[in-house]
N, C-alpha and C. Protein backbone atom coordinates (compact mmCIF):
# COMPACT_ATOMS: atom_id res chain seq x y z
N UNK A 1 122.56 77.90 54.52
CA UNK A 1 122.62 76.95 55.61
C UNK A 1 122.96 77.63 56.92
N UNK A 2 123.90 78.60 56.84
CA UNK A 2 124.32 79.33 58.04
C UNK A 2 123.14 80.11 58.61
N UNK A 3 122.28 80.71 57.73
CA UNK A 3 121.12 81.47 58.19
C UNK A 3 120.11 80.55 58.87
N UNK A 4 119.92 79.38 58.33
CA UNK A 4 118.99 78.39 58.90
C UNK A 4 119.46 78.01 60.30
N UNK A 5 120.75 77.80 60.49
CA UNK A 5 121.29 77.45 61.78
C UNK A 5 121.03 78.57 62.79
N UNK A 6 121.22 79.83 62.38
CA UNK A 6 121.01 80.98 63.27
C UNK A 6 119.52 81.08 63.61
N UNK A 7 118.64 80.91 62.67
CA UNK A 7 117.19 80.99 62.93
C UNK A 7 116.78 79.89 63.88
N UNK A 8 117.19 78.65 63.65
CA UNK A 8 116.84 77.52 64.53
C UNK A 8 117.39 77.76 65.93
N UNK A 9 118.66 78.21 66.00
CA UNK A 9 119.27 78.48 67.30
C UNK A 9 118.55 79.58 68.06
N UNK A 10 118.19 80.65 67.36
CA UNK A 10 117.45 81.75 68.02
C UNK A 10 116.09 81.28 68.48
N UNK A 11 115.43 80.46 67.67
CA UNK A 11 114.10 79.95 68.05
C UNK A 11 114.20 79.07 69.28
N UNK A 12 115.20 78.23 69.33
CA UNK A 12 115.37 77.36 70.50
C UNK A 12 115.69 78.18 71.73
N UNK A 13 116.50 79.21 71.59
CA UNK A 13 116.83 80.08 72.73
C UNK A 13 115.57 80.79 73.23
N UNK A 14 114.75 81.31 72.33
CA UNK A 14 113.51 81.98 72.74
C UNK A 14 112.57 81.00 73.42
N UNK A 15 112.47 79.75 72.91
CA UNK A 15 111.60 78.75 73.50
C UNK A 15 112.09 78.40 74.90
N UNK A 16 113.39 78.25 75.08
CA UNK A 16 113.98 77.86 76.36
C UNK A 16 113.77 78.96 77.39
N UNK A 17 113.71 80.20 76.99
CA UNK A 17 113.55 81.32 77.91
C UNK A 17 112.10 81.71 78.08
N UNK A 18 111.18 80.93 77.58
CA UNK A 18 109.78 81.22 77.74
C UNK A 18 109.29 82.11 76.63
N UNK A 19 110.08 82.33 75.66
CA UNK A 19 109.86 83.09 74.44
C UNK A 19 108.55 83.77 74.15
N UNK A 20 108.28 83.93 72.91
CA UNK A 20 107.22 84.81 72.46
C UNK A 20 105.95 84.04 72.08
N UNK A 21 105.49 83.18 72.99
CA UNK A 21 104.26 82.48 72.65
C UNK A 21 103.04 83.32 72.91
N UNK A 22 103.22 84.53 73.48
CA UNK A 22 102.12 85.45 73.68
C UNK A 22 101.24 85.13 74.88
N UNK A 23 101.65 84.15 75.69
CA UNK A 23 100.80 83.72 76.82
C UNK A 23 101.43 84.11 78.15
N UNK A 24 102.12 85.23 78.21
CA UNK A 24 102.73 85.67 79.45
C UNK A 24 101.65 85.98 80.49
N UNK A 25 101.78 85.35 81.67
CA UNK A 25 100.78 85.55 82.72
C UNK A 25 100.97 86.92 83.36
N UNK A 26 99.90 87.68 83.42
CA UNK A 26 99.93 89.01 84.00
C UNK A 26 99.92 88.91 85.53
N UNK A 27 100.68 89.79 86.21
CA UNK A 27 100.61 89.81 87.67
C UNK A 27 99.19 90.18 88.12
N UNK A 28 98.80 89.66 89.29
CA UNK A 28 97.47 89.90 89.81
C UNK A 28 97.52 90.90 90.96
N UNK A 29 96.43 91.62 91.14
CA UNK A 29 96.31 92.50 92.30
C UNK A 29 95.90 91.65 93.50
N UNK A 30 96.10 92.21 94.71
CA UNK A 30 95.69 91.49 95.90
C UNK A 30 94.21 91.21 95.88
N UNK A 31 93.42 92.17 95.36
CA UNK A 31 91.97 92.00 95.29
C UNK A 31 91.62 90.81 94.37
N UNK A 32 92.33 90.67 93.27
CA UNK A 32 92.08 89.55 92.38
C UNK A 32 92.41 88.20 93.05
N UNK A 33 93.52 88.19 93.79
CA UNK A 33 93.92 86.98 94.53
C UNK A 33 92.87 86.65 95.57
N UNK A 34 92.37 87.66 96.28
CA UNK A 34 91.32 87.45 97.30
C UNK A 34 90.06 86.88 96.67
N UNK A 35 89.65 87.46 95.57
CA UNK A 35 88.43 86.98 94.88
C UNK A 35 88.60 85.55 94.40
N UNK A 36 89.77 85.23 93.90
CA UNK A 36 90.05 83.86 93.44
C UNK A 36 89.95 82.89 94.59
N UNK A 37 90.55 83.24 95.76
CA UNK A 37 90.52 82.38 96.93
C UNK A 37 89.09 82.26 97.46
N UNK A 38 88.38 83.38 97.52
CA UNK A 38 86.99 83.37 98.03
C UNK A 38 86.12 82.44 97.18
N UNK A 39 86.39 82.35 95.90
CA UNK A 39 85.58 81.49 95.03
C UNK A 39 85.78 80.00 95.33
N UNK A 40 86.89 79.68 96.04
CA UNK A 40 87.15 78.29 96.36
C UNK A 40 86.58 77.89 97.73
N UNK A 41 86.22 78.89 98.54
CA UNK A 41 85.72 78.60 99.90
C UNK A 41 84.28 78.14 99.88
N UNK A 42 83.94 77.31 100.87
CA UNK A 42 82.58 76.82 101.03
C UNK A 42 82.12 77.18 102.43
N UNK A 43 80.84 76.98 102.67
CA UNK A 43 80.31 77.21 104.03
C UNK A 43 81.01 76.29 105.03
N UNK A 44 81.42 75.13 104.59
CA UNK A 44 82.13 74.19 105.44
C UNK A 44 83.47 74.78 105.92
N UNK A 45 84.14 75.54 105.07
CA UNK A 45 85.40 76.16 105.46
C UNK A 45 85.17 77.13 106.64
N UNK A 46 84.18 77.98 106.51
CA UNK A 46 83.87 78.94 107.57
C UNK A 46 83.49 78.19 108.85
N UNK A 47 82.67 77.17 108.71
CA UNK A 47 82.23 76.38 109.87
C UNK A 47 83.43 75.74 110.55
N UNK A 48 84.35 75.17 109.79
CA UNK A 48 85.53 74.52 110.36
C UNK A 48 86.36 75.52 111.14
N UNK A 49 86.60 76.70 110.56
CA UNK A 49 87.41 77.70 111.25
C UNK A 49 86.73 78.13 112.55
N UNK A 50 85.44 78.38 112.51
CA UNK A 50 84.71 78.81 113.69
C UNK A 50 84.68 77.71 114.76
N UNK A 51 84.54 76.45 114.35
CA UNK A 51 84.53 75.34 115.32
C UNK A 51 85.87 75.25 116.05
N UNK A 52 86.95 75.31 115.29
CA UNK A 52 88.29 75.23 115.88
C UNK A 52 88.48 76.42 116.83
N UNK A 53 88.16 77.62 116.37
CA UNK A 53 88.35 78.81 117.20
C UNK A 53 87.47 78.78 118.45
N UNK A 54 86.24 78.35 118.33
CA UNK A 54 85.36 78.30 119.48
C UNK A 54 85.84 77.27 120.52
N UNK A 55 86.32 76.13 120.04
CA UNK A 55 86.90 75.16 121.00
C UNK A 55 88.07 75.76 121.76
N UNK A 56 88.96 76.45 121.06
CA UNK A 56 90.11 77.05 121.68
C UNK A 56 89.70 78.17 122.63
N UNK A 57 88.82 79.04 122.19
CA UNK A 57 88.40 80.16 123.04
C UNK A 57 87.63 79.68 124.29
N UNK A 58 86.76 78.71 124.11
CA UNK A 58 86.05 78.14 125.27
C UNK A 58 87.00 77.48 126.24
N UNK A 59 88.04 76.83 125.69
CA UNK A 59 89.05 76.21 126.54
C UNK A 59 89.80 77.27 127.34
N UNK A 60 90.17 78.39 126.70
CA UNK A 60 90.83 79.47 127.42
C UNK A 60 89.93 80.00 128.51
N UNK A 61 88.65 80.16 128.20
CA UNK A 61 87.69 80.71 129.17
C UNK A 61 87.52 79.77 130.36
N UNK A 62 87.59 78.47 130.12
CA UNK A 62 87.38 77.50 131.21
C UNK A 62 88.68 77.25 131.98
N UNK A 63 89.78 77.90 131.57
CA UNK A 63 91.03 77.77 132.30
C UNK A 63 91.96 76.68 131.79
N UNK A 64 91.56 76.02 130.72
CA UNK A 64 92.39 74.95 130.16
C UNK A 64 93.35 75.58 129.14
N UNK A 65 94.22 76.41 129.65
CA UNK A 65 95.13 77.22 128.80
C UNK A 65 96.15 76.33 128.09
N UNK A 66 96.71 75.35 128.77
CA UNK A 66 97.71 74.45 128.17
C UNK A 66 97.13 73.80 126.89
N UNK A 67 95.92 73.28 126.99
CA UNK A 67 95.32 72.62 125.81
C UNK A 67 95.12 73.64 124.68
N UNK A 68 94.58 74.81 125.04
CA UNK A 68 94.31 75.83 124.03
C UNK A 68 95.59 76.25 123.33
N UNK A 69 96.60 76.59 124.08
CA UNK A 69 97.87 77.04 123.48
C UNK A 69 98.49 75.90 122.68
N UNK A 70 98.28 74.67 123.10
CA UNK A 70 98.77 73.52 122.34
C UNK A 70 98.12 73.38 120.98
N UNK A 71 97.03 74.09 120.77
CA UNK A 71 96.33 74.04 119.48
C UNK A 71 96.58 75.30 118.64
N UNK A 72 97.51 76.15 119.10
CA UNK A 72 97.91 77.31 118.32
C UNK A 72 99.07 76.91 117.42
N UNK A 73 99.10 77.49 116.24
CA UNK A 73 100.16 77.20 115.28
C UNK A 73 100.83 78.50 114.88
N UNK A 74 101.98 78.37 114.22
CA UNK A 74 102.68 79.49 113.61
C UNK A 74 103.20 79.01 112.26
N UNK A 75 103.48 79.95 111.38
CA UNK A 75 103.98 79.60 110.07
C UNK A 75 105.50 79.37 110.14
N UNK A 76 105.93 78.24 109.63
CA UNK A 76 107.38 77.96 109.59
C UNK A 76 108.01 78.77 108.47
N UNK A 77 109.32 78.76 108.43
CA UNK A 77 110.03 79.49 107.36
C UNK A 77 109.70 78.91 105.98
N UNK A 78 109.26 77.65 105.95
CA UNK A 78 108.89 77.01 104.69
C UNK A 78 107.45 77.27 104.31
N UNK A 79 106.72 78.08 105.12
CA UNK A 79 105.34 78.37 104.82
C UNK A 79 104.37 77.28 105.22
N UNK A 80 104.72 76.47 106.19
CA UNK A 80 103.88 75.39 106.64
C UNK A 80 103.44 75.67 108.08
N UNK A 81 102.16 75.49 108.38
CA UNK A 81 101.70 75.67 109.77
C UNK A 81 102.38 74.62 110.68
N UNK A 82 102.97 75.10 111.78
CA UNK A 82 103.66 74.22 112.71
C UNK A 82 103.23 74.59 114.13
N UNK A 83 103.26 73.61 115.05
CA UNK A 83 102.93 73.95 116.46
C UNK A 83 103.86 75.06 116.92
N UNK A 84 103.39 75.84 117.88
CA UNK A 84 104.20 76.95 118.39
C UNK A 84 105.55 76.44 118.89
N UNK A 85 106.58 77.22 118.61
CA UNK A 85 107.90 76.91 119.18
C UNK A 85 107.89 77.21 120.67
N UNK A 86 108.94 76.80 121.38
CA UNK A 86 109.00 76.95 122.82
C UNK A 86 108.85 78.41 123.27
N UNK A 87 109.53 79.33 122.59
CA UNK A 87 109.46 80.75 122.97
C UNK A 87 108.08 81.32 122.78
N UNK A 88 107.47 81.04 121.64
CA UNK A 88 106.12 81.55 121.36
C UNK A 88 105.11 80.91 122.33
N UNK A 89 105.29 79.64 122.58
CA UNK A 89 104.40 78.93 123.53
C UNK A 89 104.47 79.57 124.91
N UNK A 90 105.66 79.82 125.40
CA UNK A 90 105.82 80.44 126.71
C UNK A 90 105.21 81.83 126.74
N UNK A 91 105.42 82.58 125.67
CA UNK A 91 104.86 83.93 125.57
C UNK A 91 103.32 83.87 125.68
N UNK A 92 102.72 82.92 124.97
CA UNK A 92 101.26 82.80 125.01
C UNK A 92 100.77 82.32 126.39
N UNK A 93 101.46 81.37 126.99
CA UNK A 93 101.05 80.90 128.32
C UNK A 93 101.16 82.04 129.33
N UNK A 94 102.21 82.85 129.25
CA UNK A 94 102.36 83.98 130.15
C UNK A 94 101.29 85.01 129.94
N UNK A 95 100.94 85.22 128.68
CA UNK A 95 99.87 86.20 128.37
C UNK A 95 98.58 85.80 129.05
N UNK A 96 98.20 84.53 128.96
CA UNK A 96 96.91 84.11 129.52
C UNK A 96 97.00 83.92 131.04
N UNK A 97 98.20 83.81 131.56
CA UNK A 97 98.37 83.78 133.03
C UNK A 97 98.13 85.19 133.59
N UNK A 98 98.68 86.21 132.89
CA UNK A 98 98.53 87.60 133.33
C UNK A 98 97.13 88.14 132.99
N UNK A 99 96.61 87.73 131.88
CA UNK A 99 95.31 88.22 131.39
C UNK A 99 94.40 87.03 131.07
N UNK A 100 93.86 86.38 132.09
CA UNK A 100 93.02 85.21 131.82
C UNK A 100 91.76 85.59 131.06
N UNK A 101 91.27 84.68 130.25
CA UNK A 101 90.07 84.96 129.47
C UNK A 101 88.84 84.64 130.35
N UNK A 102 88.20 85.71 130.81
CA UNK A 102 86.98 85.58 131.62
C UNK A 102 85.77 85.49 130.68
N UNK A 103 85.87 86.20 129.57
CA UNK A 103 84.84 86.18 128.54
C UNK A 103 85.48 86.61 127.23
N UNK A 104 84.81 86.39 126.13
CA UNK A 104 85.33 86.79 124.84
C UNK A 104 84.20 87.06 123.86
N UNK A 105 84.51 87.80 122.83
CA UNK A 105 83.58 87.98 121.72
C UNK A 105 84.36 88.16 120.42
N UNK A 106 83.78 87.68 119.35
CA UNK A 106 84.45 87.82 118.07
C UNK A 106 84.30 89.28 117.62
N UNK A 107 85.40 89.83 117.19
CA UNK A 107 85.41 91.19 116.69
C UNK A 107 85.09 91.19 115.19
N UNK A 108 85.86 90.42 114.41
CA UNK A 108 85.58 90.29 112.99
C UNK A 108 86.41 89.15 112.39
N UNK A 109 86.07 88.77 111.18
CA UNK A 109 86.86 87.80 110.46
C UNK A 109 86.86 88.18 108.99
N UNK A 110 87.91 87.72 108.30
CA UNK A 110 88.06 88.03 106.87
C UNK A 110 88.97 86.98 106.26
N UNK A 111 88.52 86.39 105.14
CA UNK A 111 89.35 85.43 104.44
C UNK A 111 89.93 86.11 103.22
N UNK A 112 91.26 86.00 103.04
CA UNK A 112 91.95 86.68 101.93
C UNK A 112 92.68 85.70 101.00
N UNK A 113 93.57 84.91 101.59
CA UNK A 113 94.34 83.93 100.82
C UNK A 113 94.49 82.67 101.68
N UNK A 114 94.97 81.57 101.15
CA UNK A 114 95.15 80.38 101.98
C UNK A 114 96.08 80.65 103.19
N UNK A 115 97.04 81.56 103.05
CA UNK A 115 98.00 81.81 104.13
C UNK A 115 97.80 83.10 104.89
N UNK A 116 96.85 83.93 104.50
CA UNK A 116 96.70 85.26 105.12
C UNK A 116 95.23 85.58 105.32
N UNK A 117 94.76 85.44 106.56
CA UNK A 117 93.36 85.67 106.89
C UNK A 117 93.31 86.33 108.29
N UNK A 118 92.16 86.83 108.65
CA UNK A 118 91.99 87.48 109.94
C UNK A 118 90.84 86.82 110.71
N UNK A 119 91.07 86.58 111.97
CA UNK A 119 90.01 86.16 112.90
C UNK A 119 90.36 86.83 114.23
N UNK A 120 89.63 87.91 114.54
CA UNK A 120 90.01 88.73 115.68
C UNK A 120 88.97 88.60 116.79
N UNK A 121 89.48 88.35 118.02
CA UNK A 121 88.64 88.26 119.20
C UNK A 121 89.00 89.38 120.17
N UNK A 122 88.04 89.79 120.93
CA UNK A 122 88.24 90.69 122.06
C UNK A 122 88.12 89.79 123.30
N UNK A 123 89.20 89.71 124.12
CA UNK A 123 89.16 88.87 125.31
C UNK A 123 89.09 89.78 126.53
N UNK A 124 88.16 89.48 127.40
CA UNK A 124 87.97 90.25 128.64
C UNK A 124 88.67 89.51 129.78
N UNK A 125 89.47 90.23 130.54
CA UNK A 125 90.21 89.57 131.61
C UNK A 125 89.69 89.93 133.00
N UNK A 126 88.54 90.60 133.05
CA UNK A 126 87.81 90.82 134.31
C UNK A 126 86.33 90.75 133.97
N UNK A 127 85.53 90.49 135.02
CA UNK A 127 84.08 90.45 134.84
C UNK A 127 83.58 91.84 134.38
N UNK A 128 82.54 91.82 133.59
CA UNK A 128 81.97 93.10 133.15
C UNK A 128 81.21 93.76 134.30
N UNK A 129 81.24 95.07 134.29
CA UNK A 129 80.53 95.84 135.31
C UNK A 129 79.04 95.93 134.93
N UNK A 130 78.29 96.65 135.70
CA UNK A 130 76.83 96.75 135.46
C UNK A 130 76.50 97.40 134.13
N UNK A 131 77.41 98.15 133.56
CA UNK A 131 77.19 98.76 132.25
C UNK A 131 77.63 97.82 131.10
N UNK A 132 78.20 96.67 131.47
CA UNK A 132 78.66 95.73 130.45
C UNK A 132 80.10 95.97 130.02
N UNK A 133 80.80 96.86 130.70
CA UNK A 133 82.18 97.17 130.34
C UNK A 133 83.17 96.35 131.15
N UNK A 134 84.30 96.03 130.54
CA UNK A 134 85.38 95.33 131.23
C UNK A 134 86.66 95.59 130.42
N UNK A 135 87.80 95.53 131.12
CA UNK A 135 89.07 95.69 130.36
C UNK A 135 89.25 94.49 129.42
N UNK A 136 89.74 94.79 128.25
CA UNK A 136 89.89 93.74 127.24
C UNK A 136 91.14 93.98 126.41
N UNK A 137 91.63 92.89 125.83
CA UNK A 137 92.72 92.99 124.87
C UNK A 137 92.32 92.12 123.68
N UNK A 138 92.97 92.37 122.56
CA UNK A 138 92.64 91.63 121.33
C UNK A 138 93.52 90.40 121.19
N UNK A 139 92.94 89.39 120.57
CA UNK A 139 93.67 88.18 120.22
C UNK A 139 93.38 87.95 118.73
N UNK A 140 94.44 87.96 117.93
CA UNK A 140 94.29 87.87 116.49
C UNK A 140 94.86 86.55 116.00
N UNK A 141 94.01 85.83 115.26
CA UNK A 141 94.46 84.59 114.63
C UNK A 141 94.58 84.80 113.14
N UNK A 142 95.38 83.94 112.55
CA UNK A 142 95.55 83.90 111.10
C UNK A 142 95.18 82.47 110.67
N UNK A 143 93.89 82.17 110.46
CA UNK A 143 93.52 80.82 110.01
C UNK A 143 94.20 80.53 108.64
N UNK A 144 94.91 79.40 108.58
CA UNK A 144 95.65 79.04 107.39
C UNK A 144 95.11 77.73 106.85
N UNK A 145 94.84 77.69 105.55
CA UNK A 145 94.37 76.47 104.92
C UNK A 145 95.52 75.82 104.16
N UNK A 146 95.85 74.61 104.58
CA UNK A 146 96.93 73.86 103.95
C UNK A 146 96.45 72.43 103.74
N UNK A 147 96.52 71.99 102.48
CA UNK A 147 96.09 70.62 102.13
C UNK A 147 94.64 70.33 102.61
N UNK A 148 93.75 71.30 102.38
CA UNK A 148 92.33 71.21 102.73
C UNK A 148 92.07 71.08 104.24
N UNK A 149 93.04 71.47 105.07
CA UNK A 149 92.87 71.48 106.51
C UNK A 149 93.15 72.89 107.04
N UNK A 150 92.37 73.31 108.02
CA UNK A 150 92.56 74.63 108.61
C UNK A 150 93.37 74.54 109.87
N UNK A 151 94.29 75.49 110.05
CA UNK A 151 95.14 75.62 111.23
C UNK A 151 94.94 77.01 111.82
N UNK A 152 94.87 77.07 113.14
CA UNK A 152 94.66 78.34 113.83
C UNK A 152 96.04 78.91 114.20
N UNK A 153 96.62 79.68 113.31
CA UNK A 153 97.90 80.30 113.52
C UNK A 153 97.74 81.62 114.27
N UNK A 154 98.73 81.95 115.05
CA UNK A 154 98.75 83.26 115.74
C UNK A 154 99.16 84.31 114.69
N UNK A 155 98.41 85.39 114.62
CA UNK A 155 98.75 86.47 113.70
C UNK A 155 99.90 87.28 114.30
N UNK A 156 100.99 87.35 113.56
CA UNK A 156 102.14 88.13 113.99
C UNK A 156 101.89 89.62 113.68
N UNK A 157 102.47 90.49 114.50
CA UNK A 157 102.29 91.93 114.30
C UNK A 157 102.80 92.38 112.93
N UNK A 158 103.75 91.66 112.39
CA UNK A 158 104.29 92.04 111.07
C UNK A 158 103.38 91.64 109.91
N UNK A 159 102.40 90.76 110.18
CA UNK A 159 101.50 90.33 109.11
C UNK A 159 100.42 91.36 108.91
N UNK A 160 100.05 91.63 107.67
CA UNK A 160 98.96 92.57 107.41
C UNK A 160 97.62 92.05 107.94
N UNK A 161 96.80 92.97 108.39
CA UNK A 161 95.44 92.66 108.82
C UNK A 161 94.50 93.72 108.28
N UNK A 162 93.26 93.34 108.03
CA UNK A 162 92.30 94.29 107.43
C UNK A 162 92.09 95.54 108.28
N UNK A 163 92.21 95.40 109.63
CA UNK A 163 91.92 96.55 110.49
C UNK A 163 93.20 97.23 110.99
N UNK A 164 94.35 96.92 110.40
CA UNK A 164 95.61 97.47 110.87
C UNK A 164 96.16 98.51 109.93
N UNK A 165 97.13 99.26 110.41
CA UNK A 165 97.77 100.29 109.56
C UNK A 165 98.53 99.63 108.41
N UNK A 166 98.95 98.38 108.59
CA UNK A 166 99.69 97.71 107.54
C UNK A 166 98.82 96.86 106.63
N UNK A 167 97.52 97.20 106.54
CA UNK A 167 96.60 96.49 105.68
C UNK A 167 97.08 96.60 104.22
N UNK A 168 96.87 95.54 103.47
CA UNK A 168 97.30 95.51 102.07
C UNK A 168 96.31 96.28 101.22
N UNK A 169 96.85 97.15 100.40
CA UNK A 169 96.04 97.88 99.44
C UNK A 169 95.52 96.87 98.40
N UNK A 170 94.18 96.81 98.19
CA UNK A 170 93.63 95.82 97.25
C UNK A 170 94.19 95.98 95.84
N UNK A 171 94.71 97.16 95.50
CA UNK A 171 95.27 97.38 94.15
C UNK A 171 96.72 96.97 94.05
N UNK A 172 97.33 96.58 95.19
CA UNK A 172 98.73 96.17 95.20
C UNK A 172 98.92 94.92 94.35
N UNK A 173 100.00 94.92 93.58
CA UNK A 173 100.33 93.79 92.73
C UNK A 173 100.98 92.69 93.59
N UNK A 174 100.52 91.47 93.40
CA UNK A 174 101.05 90.33 94.14
C UNK A 174 101.87 89.50 93.18
N UNK A 175 103.08 89.19 93.53
CA UNK A 175 103.95 88.40 92.66
C UNK A 175 103.65 86.93 92.76
């Protein structure tokens, strides 16, 4: 009877701790997570992101900076896209005051996960010369998909980007 009690107790303990059912989920690589997310995307997702970005970029170009910056988001500490806070909003308004968008072009885009993507623009703050050259700076967005809706978040320097030194190694394990 004592042995039966020990066996039942040990079995319950193993079950409570996720025990030995043999179905332990293996960690995934970043590449696997990207592929999984890519399989959920549709042409409509890409279209939605480009429509939002084009509206914002055209607004910046036409001088409607307040409206454009009002449509920028940042990730909250809880991982939810939220309108820019006062400090970030002022920083962006000052940026476009010093470097107005005279013209722009998309540099590249890449979808990786619902919370980590790249949409990079080159913004020109002076008219192009006869050779087509003009001073430019980059503007990087992190389009975020939350509850089937896309938000145009500002990409923070600390966030990995495909073209940056801090790009994520596709073989890196994601917890």
